[in-house]
């Protein structure tokens, strides 16, 4: 079983991936973790060399992970490595959750958890702007990705559908 979970920030990708990983005892490829490990969160605007290093690191880590495991679940939407992942996945779950719900999810996790030790609560709060921005800038590209891979995509638009799916696995 090789599953990739994609969606906009705050859609529940990590939560679902963690549940699938636990349920089937399979490795969990968390793309955000590789981004942090590579220093992606410390890049300054215009640092092209730094961006290329982050991309190379992520590509190397993703390729290595995929080659080292027969089964896995991944979460994250990083266009530069998504093509590598989709080539090897059995299917892709797209969490197409409305913006208002994703904003609520992010606010809730900002105050209830320390999901990324590299970020302060203020960093998490400022990310609200990115969630809104990415909805309009990256949303169309993500939807195009879904259209480009109809044979591998499962789309879920709410948490009830996701929970029902998880129960059938």
C-alpha atoms as a PDB file:
ATOM      1  CA  UNK A   1       0.000   0.000   0.000  1.00  0.00           C
ATOM      2  CA  UNK A   2       1.418   3.352  -1.102  1.00  0.00           C
ATOM      3  CA  UNK A   3      -0.795   6.367  -0.435  1.00  0.00           C
ATOM      4  CA  UNK A   4      -0.119  10.060  -0.962  1.00  0.00           C
ATOM      5  CA  UNK A   5      -2.323  12.602   0.803  1.00  0.00           C
ATOM      6  CA  UNK A   6      -2.475  16.085  -0.679  1.00  0.00           C
ATOM      7  CA  UNK A   7      -4.494  19.211  -0.029  1.00  0.00           C
ATOM      8  CA  UNK A   8      -4.291  22.804   1.036  1.00  0.00           C
ATOM      9  CA  UNK A   9      -2.815  23.790   4.442  1.00  0.00           C
ATOM     10  CA  UNK A  10      -5.078  22.904   7.340  1.00  0.00           C
ATOM     11  CA  UNK A  11      -7.061  20.286   5.435  1.00  0.00           C
ATOM     12  CA  UNK A  12      -6.069  17.389   7.697  1.00  0.00           C
ATOM     13  CA  UNK A  13      -3.343  15.736   5.630  1.00  0.00           C
ATOM     14  CA  UNK A  14      -1.052  14.990   8.566  1.00  0.00           C
ATOM     15  CA  UNK A  15      -3.882  13.755  10.767  1.00  0.00           C
ATOM     16  CA  UNK A  16      -5.123  11.316   8.122  1.00  0.00           C
ATOM     17  CA  UNK A  17      -1.611  10.148   7.218  1.00  0.00           C
ATOM     18  CA  UNK A  18      -0.824   9.491  10.864  1.00  0.00           C
ATOM     19  CA  UNK A  19      -4.033   7.479  11.292  1.00  0.00           C
ATOM     20  CA  UNK A  20      -3.299   5.368   8.198  1.00  0.00           C
ATOM     21  CA  UNK A  21       0.302   4.854   9.282  1.00  0.00           C
ATOM     22  CA  UNK A  22      -0.807   3.713  12.738  1.00  0.00           C
ATOM     23  CA  UNK A  23      -3.636   1.520  11.454  1.00  0.00           C
ATOM     24  CA  UNK A  24      -1.433  -0.405   9.020  1.00  0.00           C
ATOM     25  CA  UNK A  25       1.908   0.002  10.785  1.00  0.00           C
ATOM     26  CA  UNK A  26       3.508   1.497   7.670  1.00  0.00           C
ATOM     27  CA  UNK A  27       6.131   4.252   7.426  1.00  0.00           C
ATOM     28  CA  UNK A  28       4.943   7.840   7.273  1.00  0.00           C
ATOM     29  CA  UNK A  29       6.677  10.245   4.881  1.00  0.00           C
ATOM     30  CA  UNK A  30       6.031  13.746   6.204  1.00  0.00           C
ATOM     31  CA  UNK A  31       7.183  16.224   3.559  1.00  0.00           C
ATOM     32  CA  UNK A  32       7.071  19.161   5.964  1.00  0.00           C
ATOM     33  CA  UNK A  33       9.692  17.424   8.104  1.00  0.00           C
ATOM     34  CA  UNK A  34      12.125  17.250   5.162  1.00  0.00           C
ATOM     35  CA  UNK A  35      11.439  20.905   4.388  1.00  0.00           C
ATOM     36  CA  UNK A  36      12.322  21.889   7.947  1.00  0.00           C
ATOM     37  CA  UNK A  37      15.391  19.600   8.002  1.00  0.00           C
ATOM     38  CA  UNK A  38      16.662  21.262   4.833  1.00  0.00           C
ATOM     39  CA  UNK A  39      16.309  24.748   6.297  1.00  0.00           C
ATOM     40  CA  UNK A  40      13.352  25.731   4.144  1.00  0.00           C
ATOM     41  CA  UNK A  41      11.836  27.700   7.004  1.00  0.00           C
ATOM     42  CA  UNK A  42      15.001  29.818   7.354  1.00  0.00           C
ATOM     43  CA  UNK A  43      15.298  30.939   3.728  1.00  0.00           C
ATOM     44  CA  UNK A  44      15.377  34.650   3.029  1.00  0.00           C
ATOM     45  CA  UNK A  45      13.433  36.159   0.151  1.00  0.00           C
ATOM     46  CA  UNK A  46      15.439  35.966  -3.068  1.00  0.00           C
ATOM     47  CA  UNK A  47      17.815  33.231  -1.844  1.00  0.00           C
ATOM     48  CA  UNK A  48      17.801  31.239  -5.084  1.00  0.00           C
ATOM     49  CA  UNK A  49      20.796  29.118  -4.101  1.00  0.00           C
ATOM     50  CA  UNK A  50      19.125  28.236  -0.808  1.00  0.00           C
ATOM     51  CA  UNK A  51      15.880  27.341  -2.554  1.00  0.00           C
ATOM     52  CA  UNK A  52      17.749  25.006  -4.917  1.00  0.00           C
ATOM     53  CA  UNK A  53      19.492  23.322  -1.964  1.00  0.00           C
ATOM     54  CA  UNK A  54      16.153  22.766  -0.244  1.00  0.00           C
ATOM     55  CA  UNK A  55      14.650  21.319  -3.429  1.00  0.00           C
ATOM     56  CA  UNK A  56      17.631  18.988  -3.958  1.00  0.00           C
ATOM     57  CA  UNK A  57      17.502  17.813  -0.349  1.00  0.00           C
ATOM     58  CA  UNK A  58      13.792  17.111  -0.521  1.00  0.00           C
ATOM     59  CA  UNK A  59      14.097  15.273  -3.823  1.00  0.00           C
ATOM     60  CA  UNK A  60      16.919  13.129  -2.444  1.00  0.00           C
ATOM     61  CA  UNK A  61      15.077  12.308   0.792  1.00  0.00           C
ATOM     62  CA  UNK A  62      11.781  11.525  -0.938  1.00  0.00           C
ATOM     63  CA  UNK A  63      13.448   9.315  -3.539  1.00  0.00           C
ATOM     64  CA  UNK A  64      15.414   7.472  -0.879  1.00  0.00           C
ATOM     65  CA  UNK A  65      12.331   6.968   1.305  1.00  0.00           C
ATOM     66  CA  UNK A  66      10.238   5.639  -1.575  1.00  0.00           C
ATOM     67  CA  UNK A  67      12.993   3.277  -2.701  1.00  0.00           C
ATOM     68  CA  UNK A  68      13.580   1.982   0.836  1.00  0.00           C
ATOM     69  CA  UNK A  69       9.956   1.048   1.658  1.00  0.00           C
ATOM     70  CA  UNK A  70       7.432  -1.297   0.053  1.00  0.00           C
ATOM     71  CA  UNK A  71       4.475   0.379   1.766  1.00  0.00           C
ATOM     72  CA  UNK A  72       4.084   3.943   3.002  1.00  0.00           C
ATOM     73  CA  UNK A  73       1.815   6.919   3.385  1.00  0.00           C
ATOM     74  CA  UNK A  74       2.928  10.469   2.611  1.00  0.00           C
ATOM     75  CA  UNK A  75       1.414  13.809   3.349  1.00  0.00           C
ATOM     76  CA  UNK A  76       2.189  17.182   1.921  1.00  0.00           C
ATOM     77  CA  UNK A  77       1.843  19.164  -1.245  1.00  0.00           C
ATOM     78  CA  UNK A  78       5.238  20.083  -2.654  1.00  0.00           C
ATOM     79  CA  UNK A  79       4.982  20.371  -6.447  1.00  0.00           C
ATOM     80  CA  UNK A  80       8.704  19.703  -7.046  1.00  0.00           C
ATOM     81  CA  UNK A  81       8.495  16.222  -5.504  1.00  0.00           C
ATOM     82  CA  UNK A  82       4.828  15.426  -6.112  1.00  0.00           C
ATOM     83  CA  UNK A  83       5.605  13.993  -9.543  1.00  0.00           C
ATOM     84  CA  UNK A  84       8.108  11.559  -7.975  1.00  0.00           C
ATOM     85  CA  UNK A  85       5.593  10.479  -5.364  1.00  0.00           C
ATOM     86  CA  UNK A  86       2.665  10.044  -7.768  1.00  0.00           C
ATOM     87  CA  UNK A  87       4.749   7.763 -10.010  1.00  0.00           C
ATOM     88  CA  UNK A  88       5.166   5.314  -7.134  1.00  0.00           C
ATOM     89  CA  UNK A  89       1.850   5.627  -5.322  1.00  0.00           C
ATOM     90  CA  UNK A  90      -1.125   3.314  -5.607  1.00  0.00           C
ATOM     91  CA  UNK A  91      -3.435   6.267  -5.194  1.00  0.00           C
ATOM     92  CA  UNK A  92      -3.608   9.870  -4.064  1.00  0.00           C
ATOM     93  CA  UNK A  93      -6.115  11.206  -1.571  1.00  0.00           C
ATOM     94  CA  UNK A  94      -7.035  14.840  -2.211  1.00  0.00           C
ATOM     95  CA  UNK A  95      -8.571  16.590   0.783  1.00  0.00           C
ATOM     96  CA  UNK A  96     -10.645  19.335  -0.816  1.00  0.00           C
ATOM     97  CA  UNK A  97     -11.753  21.021   2.398  1.00  0.00           C
ATOM     98  CA  UNK A  98     -13.342  24.523   2.343  1.00  0.00           C
ATOM     99  CA  UNK A  99     -11.184  27.500   3.346  1.00  0.00           C
ATOM    100  CA  UNK A 100     -13.256  28.447   6.393  1.00  0.00           C
ATOM    101  CA  UNK A 101     -12.820  24.955   7.849  1.00  0.00           C
ATOM    102  CA  UNK A 102      -9.068  24.909   7.139  1.00  0.00           C
ATOM    103  CA  UNK A 103      -8.648  28.283   8.858  1.00  0.00           C
ATOM    104  CA  UNK A 104     -10.532  26.985  11.893  1.00  0.00           C
ATOM    105  CA  UNK A 105      -8.365  23.834  11.946  1.00  0.00           C
ATOM    106  CA  UNK A 106      -5.189  25.890  11.793  1.00  0.00           C
ATOM    107  CA  UNK A 107      -6.255  28.213  14.599  1.00  0.00           C
ATOM    108  CA  UNK A 108      -7.196  25.225  16.738  1.00  0.00           C
ATOM    109  CA  UNK A 109      -3.858  23.487  16.211  1.00  0.00           C
ATOM    110  CA  UNK A 110      -1.962  26.752  16.735  1.00  0.00           C
ATOM    111  CA  UNK A 111      -3.258  26.991  20.290  1.00  0.00           C
ATOM    112  CA  UNK A 112      -3.472  23.294  21.141  1.00  0.00           C
ATOM    113  CA  UNK A 113      -0.257  21.768  19.827  1.00  0.00           C
ATOM    114  CA  UNK A 114       3.393  22.224  19.060  1.00  0.00           C
ATOM    115  CA  UNK A 115       3.300  20.394  15.744  1.00  0.00           C
ATOM    116  CA  UNK A 116       6.463  21.993  14.358  1.00  0.00           C
ATOM    117  CA  UNK A 117       9.105  22.622  16.984  1.00  0.00           C
ATOM    118  CA  UNK A 118      10.841  25.028  14.583  1.00  0.00           C
ATOM    119  CA  UNK A 119       7.928  27.460  14.666  1.00  0.00           C
ATOM    120  CA  UNK A 120       6.697  29.802  17.347  1.00  0.00           C
ATOM    121  CA  UNK A 121       3.020  30.402  18.036  1.00  0.00           C
ATOM    122  CA  UNK A 122       3.464  33.750  16.269  1.00  0.00           C
ATOM    123  CA  UNK A 123       4.859  31.968  13.164  1.00  0.00           C
ATOM    124  CA  UNK A 124       1.825  29.694  13.191  1.00  0.00           C
ATOM    125  CA  UNK A 125      -0.522  32.654  13.590  1.00  0.00           C
ATOM    126  CA  UNK A 126       1.147  34.515  10.675  1.00  0.00           C
ATOM    127  CA  UNK A 127       0.648  31.389   8.531  1.00  0.00           C
ATOM    128  CA  UNK A 128      -3.060  32.256   8.341  1.00  0.00           C
ATOM    129  CA  UNK A 129      -2.174  34.724   5.585  1.00  0.00           C
ATOM    130  CA  UNK A 130      -0.371  31.947   3.685  1.00  0.00           C
ATOM    131  CA  UNK A 131      -3.364  29.644   3.976  1.00  0.00           C
ATOM    132  CA  UNK A 132      -5.579  32.263   2.363  1.00  0.00           C
ATOM    133  CA  UNK A 133      -2.962  33.219  -0.243  1.00  0.00           C
ATOM    134  CA  UNK A 134      -2.229  29.617  -1.226  1.00  0.00           C
ATOM    135  CA  UNK A 135      -5.928  28.899  -1.646  1.00  0.00           C
ATOM    136  CA  UNK A 136      -6.075  31.334  -4.536  1.00  0.00           C
ATOM    137  CA  UNK A 137      -2.559  31.017  -5.959  1.00  0.00           C
ATOM    138  CA  UNK A 138      -1.791  27.314  -5.568  1.00  0.00           C
ATOM    139  CA  UNK A 139      -5.347  26.014  -5.435  1.00  0.00           C
ATOM    140  CA  UNK A 140      -5.839  26.024  -9.224  1.00  0.00           C
ATOM    141  CA  UNK A 141      -2.509  24.193  -9.727  1.00  0.00           C
ATOM    142  CA  UNK A 142      -3.487  21.587  -7.177  1.00  0.00           C
ATOM    143  CA  UNK A 143      -6.838  21.062  -8.855  1.00  0.00           C
ATOM    144  CA  UNK A 144      -5.047  20.714 -12.204  1.00  0.00           C
ATOM    145  CA  UNK A 145      -2.779  18.073 -10.668  1.00  0.00           C
ATOM    146  CA  UNK A 146      -5.914  16.191  -9.617  1.00  0.00           C
ATOM    147  CA  UNK A 147      -7.341  16.446 -13.149  1.00  0.00           C
ATOM    148  CA  UNK A 148      -4.040  15.227 -14.618  1.00  0.00           C
ATOM    149  CA  UNK A 149      -4.144  12.005 -12.552  1.00  0.00           C
ATOM    150  CA  UNK A 150      -7.795  10.863 -12.582  1.00  0.00           C
ATOM    151  CA  UNK A 151      -6.899   7.171 -12.356  1.00  0.00           C
ATOM    152  CA  UNK A 152      -5.132   7.603  -9.009  1.00  0.00           C
ATOM    153  CA  UNK A 153      -7.179  10.282  -7.236  1.00  0.00           C
ATOM    154  CA  UNK A 154      -9.761   9.916  -4.476  1.00  0.00           C
ATOM    155  CA  UNK A 155     -11.365  13.251  -3.520  1.00  0.00           C
ATOM    156  CA  UNK A 156     -12.884  13.935  -0.121  1.00  0.00           C
ATOM    157  CA  UNK A 157     -14.725  17.194   0.581  1.00  0.00           C
ATOM    158  CA  UNK A 158     -15.524  16.810   4.269  1.00  0.00           C
ATOM    159  CA  UNK A 159     -14.430  14.971   7.397  1.00  0.00           C
ATOM    160  CA  UNK A 160     -17.397  12.605   7.405  1.00  0.00           C
ATOM    161  CA  UNK A 161     -16.305  11.237   4.006  1.00  0.00           C
ATOM    162  CA  UNK A 162     -12.733  10.915   5.263  1.00  0.00           C
ATOM    163  CA  UNK A 163     -13.784   9.051   8.400  1.00  0.00           C
ATOM    164  CA  UNK A 164     -16.022   6.687   6.403  1.00  0.00           C
ATOM    165  CA  UNK A 165     -13.146   5.981   4.032  1.00  0.00           C
ATOM    166  CA  UNK A 166     -10.727   5.333   6.894  1.00  0.00           C
ATOM    167  CA  UNK A 167     -13.188   2.846   8.388  1.00  0.00           C
ATOM    168  CA  UNK A 168     -13.347   0.903   5.105  1.00  0.00           C
ATOM    169  CA  UNK A 169      -9.576   0.528   4.771  1.00  0.00           C
END
